[in-house]
N, C-alpha and C. Protein backbone atom coordinates (compact mmCIF):
# COMPACT_ATOMS: atom_id res chain seq x y z
N MET A 1 -1.15 -9.51 -13.75
CA MET A 1 -1.65 -9.54 -12.39
C MET A 1 -0.88 -8.53 -11.53
N TYR A 2 0.44 -8.43 -11.76
CA TYR A 2 1.24 -7.49 -10.97
C TYR A 2 0.85 -6.05 -11.29
N ALA A 3 0.52 -5.77 -12.55
CA ALA A 3 0.09 -4.42 -12.92
C ALA A 3 -1.22 -4.08 -12.20
N LEU A 4 -2.08 -5.05 -12.06
CA LEU A 4 -3.34 -4.84 -11.33
C LEU A 4 -3.05 -4.58 -9.85
N TYR A 5 -2.10 -5.31 -9.30
CA TYR A 5 -1.68 -5.07 -7.91
C TYR A 5 -1.16 -3.64 -7.75
N LEU A 6 -0.33 -3.20 -8.70
CA LEU A 6 0.19 -1.83 -8.63
C LEU A 6 -0.93 -0.81 -8.76
N ALA A 7 -1.91 -1.10 -9.60
CA ALA A 7 -3.05 -0.19 -9.76
C ALA A 7 -3.86 -0.09 -8.47
N MET A 8 -3.92 -1.17 -7.70
CA MET A 8 -4.66 -1.14 -6.43
C MET A 8 -3.99 -0.20 -5.43
N ARG A 9 -2.70 0.04 -5.59
CA ARG A 9 -1.96 0.89 -4.67
C ARG A 9 -1.79 2.32 -5.21
N ASP A 10 -2.26 2.57 -6.42
CA ASP A 10 -2.10 3.88 -7.05
C ASP A 10 -3.16 4.86 -6.54
N ARG A 11 -2.76 6.10 -6.36
CA ARG A 11 -3.70 7.12 -5.87
C ARG A 11 -4.80 7.45 -6.86
N GLY A 12 -4.55 7.23 -8.14
CA GLY A 12 -5.52 7.55 -9.18
C GLY A 12 -6.63 6.53 -9.33
N THR A 13 -6.51 5.41 -8.63
CA THR A 13 -7.53 4.36 -8.72
C THR A 13 -8.65 4.67 -7.73
N PRO A 14 -9.91 4.65 -8.18
CA PRO A 14 -11.04 4.90 -7.27
C PRO A 14 -11.10 3.84 -6.17
N TRP A 15 -11.64 4.22 -5.02
CA TRP A 15 -11.68 3.32 -3.86
C TRP A 15 -12.47 2.06 -4.15
N TYR A 16 -13.58 2.17 -4.89
CA TYR A 16 -14.40 0.99 -5.16
C TYR A 16 -13.68 0.00 -6.08
N ALA A 17 -12.84 0.50 -6.97
CA ALA A 17 -12.04 -0.38 -7.81
C ALA A 17 -10.96 -1.07 -6.98
N LYS A 18 -10.42 -0.34 -5.99
CA LYS A 18 -9.42 -0.93 -5.10
C LYS A 18 -10.01 -2.07 -4.28
N VAL A 19 -11.21 -1.87 -3.77
CA VAL A 19 -11.87 -2.90 -2.96
C VAL A 19 -12.14 -4.14 -3.80
N LEU A 20 -12.79 -3.97 -4.95
CA LEU A 20 -13.10 -5.11 -5.80
C LEU A 20 -11.83 -5.76 -6.33
N GLY A 21 -10.84 -4.97 -6.70
CA GLY A 21 -9.58 -5.51 -7.19
C GLY A 21 -8.86 -6.34 -6.15
N THR A 22 -8.86 -5.87 -4.92
CA THR A 22 -8.23 -6.62 -3.83
C THR A 22 -8.93 -7.96 -3.62
N VAL A 23 -10.25 -7.95 -3.68
CA VAL A 23 -11.02 -9.19 -3.52
C VAL A 23 -10.72 -10.16 -4.67
N VAL A 24 -10.68 -9.66 -5.90
CA VAL A 24 -10.44 -10.52 -7.07
C VAL A 24 -9.03 -11.11 -7.03
N VAL A 25 -8.03 -10.26 -6.77
CA VAL A 25 -6.65 -10.76 -6.71
C VAL A 25 -6.49 -11.74 -5.55
N GLY A 26 -7.07 -11.43 -4.41
CA GLY A 26 -7.01 -12.33 -3.25
C GLY A 26 -7.66 -13.67 -3.56
N TYR A 27 -8.80 -13.64 -4.23
CA TYR A 27 -9.49 -14.89 -4.59
C TYR A 27 -8.67 -15.69 -5.60
N ALA A 28 -8.08 -14.99 -6.57
CA ALA A 28 -7.29 -15.67 -7.60
C ALA A 28 -6.05 -16.35 -7.00
N LEU A 29 -5.45 -15.73 -6.01
CA LEU A 29 -4.23 -16.27 -5.42
C LEU A 29 -4.48 -17.19 -4.24
N SER A 30 -5.71 -17.22 -3.76
CA SER A 30 -6.04 -18.02 -2.59
C SER A 30 -6.18 -19.50 -2.96
N PRO A 31 -5.72 -20.37 -2.08
CA PRO A 31 -5.91 -21.80 -2.33
C PRO A 31 -7.35 -22.24 -2.04
N LEU A 32 -8.13 -21.38 -1.42
CA LEU A 32 -9.52 -21.71 -1.11
C LEU A 32 -10.43 -21.18 -2.21
N ASP A 33 -11.38 -21.99 -2.64
CA ASP A 33 -12.30 -21.63 -3.72
C ASP A 33 -13.72 -21.51 -3.22
N LEU A 34 -14.51 -20.73 -3.92
CA LEU A 34 -15.94 -20.61 -3.62
C LEU A 34 -16.62 -21.96 -3.84
N ILE A 35 -16.29 -22.59 -4.97
CA ILE A 35 -16.78 -23.93 -5.27
C ILE A 35 -15.55 -24.83 -5.31
N PRO A 36 -15.46 -25.83 -4.44
CA PRO A 36 -14.26 -26.69 -4.40
C PRO A 36 -13.98 -27.36 -5.74
N ASP A 37 -12.70 -27.51 -6.07
CA ASP A 37 -12.30 -28.06 -7.36
C ASP A 37 -12.67 -29.53 -7.54
N PHE A 38 -12.90 -30.26 -6.45
CA PHE A 38 -13.23 -31.68 -6.61
C PHE A 38 -14.65 -31.90 -7.12
N ILE A 39 -15.49 -30.88 -7.13
CA ILE A 39 -16.83 -31.00 -7.71
C ILE A 39 -16.68 -30.94 -9.23
N PRO A 40 -17.08 -32.00 -9.93
CA PRO A 40 -16.87 -32.05 -11.38
C PRO A 40 -17.44 -30.83 -12.11
N VAL A 41 -16.72 -30.30 -13.00
CA VAL A 41 -17.03 -29.19 -13.89
C VAL A 41 -17.23 -27.87 -13.13
N LEU A 42 -18.15 -27.83 -12.19
CA LEU A 42 -18.43 -26.59 -11.46
C LEU A 42 -17.21 -26.08 -10.68
N GLY A 43 -16.42 -26.99 -10.15
CA GLY A 43 -15.26 -26.61 -9.36
C GLY A 43 -14.23 -25.84 -10.17
N LEU A 44 -14.13 -26.15 -11.44
CA LEU A 44 -13.18 -25.45 -12.30
C LEU A 44 -13.80 -24.23 -12.97
N LEU A 45 -15.11 -24.24 -13.13
CA LEU A 45 -15.77 -23.11 -13.79
C LEU A 45 -15.65 -21.82 -13.00
N ASP A 46 -15.63 -21.89 -11.67
CA ASP A 46 -15.51 -20.65 -10.91
C ASP A 46 -14.18 -19.97 -11.21
N ASP A 47 -13.11 -20.76 -11.38
CA ASP A 47 -11.81 -20.17 -11.72
C ASP A 47 -11.78 -19.67 -13.16
N LEU A 48 -12.49 -20.34 -14.03
CA LEU A 48 -12.50 -19.96 -15.44
C LEU A 48 -13.44 -18.80 -15.75
N ILE A 49 -14.43 -18.57 -14.89
CA ILE A 49 -15.41 -17.52 -15.15
C ILE A 49 -15.29 -16.36 -14.16
N LEU A 50 -15.28 -16.66 -12.86
CA LEU A 50 -15.29 -15.60 -11.86
C LEU A 50 -14.03 -14.73 -11.88
N VAL A 51 -12.88 -15.34 -11.94
CA VAL A 51 -11.63 -14.57 -11.90
C VAL A 51 -11.48 -13.67 -13.13
N PRO A 52 -11.61 -14.21 -14.36
CA PRO A 52 -11.49 -13.31 -15.52
C PRO A 52 -12.59 -12.24 -15.57
N ALA A 53 -13.80 -12.59 -15.16
CA ALA A 53 -14.88 -11.60 -15.15
C ALA A 53 -14.59 -10.51 -14.12
N GLY A 54 -14.08 -10.91 -12.96
CA GLY A 54 -13.72 -9.92 -11.93
C GLY A 54 -12.59 -9.02 -12.38
N ILE A 55 -11.59 -9.59 -13.03
CA ILE A 55 -10.47 -8.78 -13.52
C ILE A 55 -10.95 -7.81 -14.60
N ALA A 56 -11.80 -8.29 -15.51
CA ALA A 56 -12.32 -7.43 -16.57
C ALA A 56 -13.13 -6.27 -15.98
N LEU A 57 -13.93 -6.55 -14.96
CA LEU A 57 -14.72 -5.51 -14.32
C LEU A 57 -13.84 -4.48 -13.62
N VAL A 58 -12.82 -4.95 -12.93
CA VAL A 58 -11.91 -4.03 -12.24
C VAL A 58 -11.16 -3.17 -13.25
N LEU A 59 -10.71 -3.78 -14.35
CA LEU A 59 -9.98 -3.02 -15.37
C LEU A 59 -10.85 -1.92 -15.97
N LYS A 60 -12.16 -2.16 -16.07
CA LYS A 60 -13.05 -1.11 -16.58
C LYS A 60 -13.22 0.03 -15.58
N MET A 61 -13.04 -0.26 -14.30
CA MET A 61 -13.19 0.75 -13.26
C MET A 61 -11.96 1.64 -13.11
N ILE A 62 -10.81 1.13 -13.53
CA ILE A 62 -9.55 1.85 -13.36
C ILE A 62 -9.35 2.77 -14.56
N PRO A 63 -9.02 4.06 -14.33
CA PRO A 63 -8.76 4.97 -15.44
C PRO A 63 -7.64 4.43 -16.34
N ALA A 64 -7.77 4.64 -17.65
CA ALA A 64 -6.82 4.10 -18.63
C ALA A 64 -5.39 4.57 -18.38
N GLU A 65 -5.22 5.85 -18.02
CA GLU A 65 -3.86 6.37 -17.80
C GLU A 65 -3.19 5.73 -16.58
N VAL A 66 -3.98 5.40 -15.57
CA VAL A 66 -3.44 4.72 -14.39
C VAL A 66 -2.98 3.32 -14.77
N MET A 67 -3.81 2.60 -15.52
CA MET A 67 -3.47 1.23 -15.91
C MET A 67 -2.26 1.20 -16.83
N THR A 68 -2.16 2.16 -17.74
CA THR A 68 -1.00 2.24 -18.63
C THR A 68 0.28 2.46 -17.83
N ARG A 69 0.21 3.37 -16.89
CA ARG A 69 1.38 3.67 -16.03
C ARG A 69 1.77 2.43 -15.21
N CYS A 70 0.79 1.72 -14.69
CA CYS A 70 1.08 0.53 -13.87
C CYS A 70 1.62 -0.62 -14.71
N ARG A 71 1.13 -0.76 -15.95
CA ARG A 71 1.67 -1.81 -16.83
C ARG A 71 3.13 -1.54 -17.17
N GLU A 72 3.46 -0.28 -17.44
CA GLU A 72 4.85 0.07 -17.74
C GLU A 72 5.74 -0.17 -16.52
N ARG A 73 5.26 0.23 -15.36
CA ARG A 73 6.04 0.03 -14.13
C ARG A 73 6.24 -1.46 -13.85
N ALA A 74 5.20 -2.26 -14.07
CA ALA A 74 5.30 -3.71 -13.85
C ALA A 74 6.31 -4.32 -14.82
N LYS A 75 6.29 -3.87 -16.07
CA LYS A 75 7.23 -4.39 -17.06
C LYS A 75 8.68 -4.10 -16.66
N VAL A 76 8.91 -2.90 -16.15
CA VAL A 76 10.27 -2.52 -15.72
C VAL A 76 10.67 -3.29 -14.47
N GLU A 77 9.79 -3.36 -13.50
CA GLU A 77 10.12 -4.01 -12.22
C GLU A 77 10.27 -5.53 -12.35
N LEU A 78 9.55 -6.15 -13.27
CA LEU A 78 9.57 -7.61 -13.36
C LEU A 78 10.53 -8.15 -14.41
N SER A 79 11.21 -7.29 -15.10
CA SER A 79 12.10 -7.78 -16.16
C SER A 79 13.20 -8.66 -15.54
N GLY A 80 13.12 -9.96 -15.83
CA GLY A 80 14.11 -10.91 -15.34
C GLY A 80 13.95 -11.31 -13.89
N LYS A 81 12.82 -11.03 -13.26
CA LYS A 81 12.62 -11.36 -11.84
C LYS A 81 11.49 -12.36 -11.68
N LYS A 82 11.54 -13.07 -10.56
CA LYS A 82 10.44 -13.95 -10.16
C LYS A 82 9.64 -13.23 -9.07
N LEU A 83 8.34 -13.42 -9.08
CA LEU A 83 7.51 -12.83 -8.03
C LEU A 83 7.44 -13.78 -6.84
N ILE A 84 7.99 -13.35 -5.72
CA ILE A 84 7.94 -14.15 -4.50
C ILE A 84 7.51 -13.23 -3.36
N SER A 85 6.40 -13.56 -2.75
CA SER A 85 5.91 -12.78 -1.62
C SER A 85 5.95 -13.65 -0.38
N ARG A 86 6.88 -13.37 0.49
CA ARG A 86 6.99 -14.16 1.72
C ARG A 86 5.79 -13.92 2.64
N LYS A 87 5.26 -12.71 2.61
CA LYS A 87 4.10 -12.40 3.43
C LYS A 87 2.90 -13.24 2.98
N ALA A 88 2.64 -13.25 1.68
CA ALA A 88 1.51 -14.03 1.16
C ALA A 88 1.72 -15.52 1.41
N MET A 89 2.95 -15.99 1.23
CA MET A 89 3.24 -17.39 1.47
C MET A 89 2.99 -17.74 2.94
N SER A 90 3.36 -16.85 3.84
CA SER A 90 3.14 -17.08 5.27
C SER A 90 1.66 -17.17 5.60
N VAL A 91 0.86 -16.29 5.00
CA VAL A 91 -0.59 -16.31 5.25
C VAL A 91 -1.20 -17.61 4.74
N VAL A 92 -0.82 -18.04 3.55
CA VAL A 92 -1.37 -19.28 2.98
C VAL A 92 -0.96 -20.48 3.85
N ILE A 93 0.30 -20.54 4.26
CA ILE A 93 0.75 -21.64 5.11
C ILE A 93 0.01 -21.63 6.45
N PHE A 94 -0.19 -20.44 7.02
CA PHE A 94 -0.91 -20.31 8.28
C PHE A 94 -2.35 -20.83 8.15
N ILE A 95 -3.01 -20.46 7.05
CA ILE A 95 -4.39 -20.91 6.83
C ILE A 95 -4.44 -22.43 6.71
N TRP A 96 -3.50 -23.01 5.94
CA TRP A 96 -3.47 -24.46 5.78
C TRP A 96 -3.16 -25.15 7.11
N LEU A 97 -2.29 -24.58 7.92
CA LEU A 97 -2.00 -25.17 9.23
C LEU A 97 -3.23 -25.18 10.13
N ILE A 98 -3.98 -24.08 10.11
CA ILE A 98 -5.21 -24.02 10.89
C ILE A 98 -6.19 -25.09 10.42
N ILE A 99 -6.33 -25.24 9.10
CA ILE A 99 -7.23 -26.26 8.55
C ILE A 99 -6.78 -27.66 8.98
N LEU A 100 -5.48 -27.93 8.89
CA LEU A 100 -4.97 -29.24 9.29
C LEU A 100 -5.17 -29.50 10.78
N VAL A 101 -4.96 -28.49 11.62
CA VAL A 101 -5.18 -28.64 13.05
C VAL A 101 -6.65 -28.92 13.34
N LEU A 102 -7.55 -28.22 12.66
CA LEU A 102 -8.98 -28.46 12.85
C LEU A 102 -9.39 -29.86 12.41
N ILE A 103 -8.83 -30.32 11.31
CA ILE A 103 -9.12 -31.69 10.85
C ILE A 103 -8.60 -32.71 11.86
N ALA A 104 -7.36 -32.50 12.32
CA ALA A 104 -6.78 -33.42 13.31
C ALA A 104 -7.61 -33.42 14.59
N TRP A 105 -8.02 -32.25 15.04
CA TRP A 105 -8.85 -32.12 16.24
C TRP A 105 -10.17 -32.86 16.06
N ALA A 106 -10.79 -32.73 14.88
CA ALA A 106 -12.06 -33.39 14.62
C ALA A 106 -11.87 -34.91 14.63
N ILE A 107 -10.78 -35.39 14.08
CA ILE A 107 -10.53 -36.82 14.05
C ILE A 107 -10.26 -37.35 15.45
N VAL A 108 -9.45 -36.66 16.20
CA VAL A 108 -9.10 -37.10 17.56
C VAL A 108 -10.31 -37.03 18.49
N SER A 109 -11.15 -36.04 18.33
CA SER A 109 -12.31 -35.89 19.21
C SER A 109 -13.37 -36.96 18.96
N ARG A 110 -13.33 -37.61 17.81
CA ARG A 110 -14.29 -38.68 17.51
C ARG A 110 -13.97 -39.93 18.29
N PHE A 111 -12.69 -40.11 18.66
CA PHE A 111 -12.29 -41.32 19.36
C PHE A 111 -12.27 -41.07 20.80
């Protein structure tokens, strides 16, 4: 996944692959799903089908030499490290806070 992230930032990656790749990675890392997970079977199928299919499509759009370079760079950069993105964590927490505030507002406004 990190190699794909690096490929999205590489100059050799076509713009359309960058757009689709950003959407796929964002969807994969997002706590929000197209089909909610509580719906039996269908809720999990979107994660099992959409994400891998999107990644496979993006990988076909990226030139092989760019992907090879990004995989090597990811291997070097991640050796012995954990991936922690404070920016992404902040966005996810912010989204959940907004959802919780809206739910609380809806509950309070009913009474």
